[in-house]
Protein backbone atom coordinates (compact mmCIF):
# COMPACT_ATOMS: atom_id res chain seq x y z
CA UNK A 1 0.00 -0.31 -0.03
CA UNK A 2 3.17 2.18 -0.14
CA UNK A 3 2.57 3.36 -3.79
CA UNK A 4 -0.71 5.01 -2.65
CA UNK A 5 -0.21 8.83 -2.39
CA UNK A 6 -1.32 10.28 0.46
CA UNK A 7 -2.52 13.17 -1.54
CA UNK A 8 -4.39 13.51 -4.83
CA UNK A 9 -2.41 14.79 -7.52
CA UNK A 10 -4.70 15.91 -10.56
CA UNK A 11 -1.79 16.64 -12.90
CA UNK A 12 -0.07 12.99 -12.18
CA UNK A 13 -3.82 11.67 -12.89
CA UNK A 14 -4.63 13.61 -15.98
CA UNK A 15 -0.86 12.72 -17.63
CA UNK A 16 -1.38 8.99 -16.90
CA UNK A 17 -5.37 8.85 -18.58
CA UNK A 18 -5.36 11.46 -21.19
CA UNK A 19 -3.34 10.00 -23.83
CA UNK A 20 -5.56 6.72 -23.19
CA UNK A 21 -8.40 8.68 -23.42
CA UNK A 22 -7.41 10.42 -26.90
CA UNK A 23 -6.03 6.91 -28.13
CA UNK A 24 -9.19 4.84 -27.44
CA UNK A 25 -11.42 7.96 -28.88
CA UNK A 26 -13.17 8.81 -25.86
CA UNK A 27 -13.56 12.08 -26.95
CA UNK A 28 -14.60 11.95 -30.63
CA UNK A 29 -18.46 11.76 -31.15
CA UNK A 30 -18.65 10.39 -35.04
CA UNK A 31 -22.25 11.68 -36.59
CA UNK A 32 -23.97 8.74 -38.97
CA UNK A 33 -22.38 5.65 -37.30
CA UNK A 34 -25.62 4.04 -37.08
CA UNK A 35 -25.45 4.39 -32.93
CA UNK A 36 -28.47 5.43 -31.25
CA UNK A 37 -28.56 9.12 -30.21
CA UNK A 38 -28.25 10.49 -26.56
CA UNK A 39 -28.16 14.34 -26.24
CA UNK A 40 -28.45 16.41 -23.17
CA UNK A 41 -29.00 20.15 -23.70
CA UNK A 42 -27.58 22.84 -21.22
CA UNK A 43 -29.47 25.71 -21.45
CA UNK A 44 -27.87 29.23 -21.14
CA UNK A 45 -27.50 30.50 -17.82
CA UNK A 46 -29.99 32.87 -16.07
CA UNK A 47 -29.84 35.69 -13.27
CA UNK A 48 -32.72 33.54 -10.82
CA UNK A 49 -30.53 33.42 -8.05
CA UNK A 50 -26.84 32.89 -6.36
CA UNK A 51 -24.72 29.95 -7.51
CA UNK A 52 -25.32 27.35 -5.28
CA UNK A 53 -23.59 23.38 -5.04
CA UNK A 54 -26.70 22.47 -7.14
CA UNK A 55 -25.69 23.97 -9.62
CA UNK A 56 -22.12 22.21 -9.82
CA UNK A 57 -24.17 18.58 -9.07
CA UNK A 58 -26.42 18.84 -11.91
CA UNK A 59 -23.18 19.67 -14.47
CA UNK A 60 -21.65 16.87 -12.71
CA UNK A 61 -24.61 14.60 -13.28
CA UNK A 62 -25.27 15.18 -16.63
CA UNK A 63 -21.36 14.70 -18.06
CA UNK A 64 -21.72 11.23 -15.99
CA UNK A 65 -24.56 9.99 -17.97
CA UNK A 66 -23.13 11.38 -21.24
CA UNK A 67 -20.06 9.74 -20.50
CA UNK A 68 -21.91 6.50 -19.28
CA UNK A 69 -24.29 6.55 -22.33
CA UNK A 70 -20.78 6.80 -24.34
CA UNK A 71 -19.49 3.56 -23.17
CA UNK A 72 -22.69 1.88 -23.79
CA UNK A 73 -22.51 2.56 -27.35
CA UNK A 74 -24.52 5.34 -27.70
CA UNK A 75 -23.75 8.59 -29.92
CA UNK A 76 -23.37 10.59 -27.02
CA UNK A 77 -23.59 14.70 -26.78
CA UNK A 78 -23.48 17.19 -24.11
CA UNK A 79 -24.39 20.62 -26.09
CA UNK A 80 -24.15 23.55 -24.21
CA UNK A 81 -25.65 27.49 -24.49
CA UNK A 82 -29.24 26.32 -26.01
């Protein structure tokens, strides 16, 4: 257990995983593949109140669901600003 760092280092994690994700095409979407579509539209921001943790949770959940659908074989799109 000595090789587990005591503190998370996001830069080290990104250096390890980003090339793997790019190599396997996890950031690419190819239209016309015949895969079923999955789209989450993010509405434009509004001024209904102060930002709070619910805003971060909402964005995190949308990101998680989009990535999960892509791993299931859907042509997933998370479209901001619609």
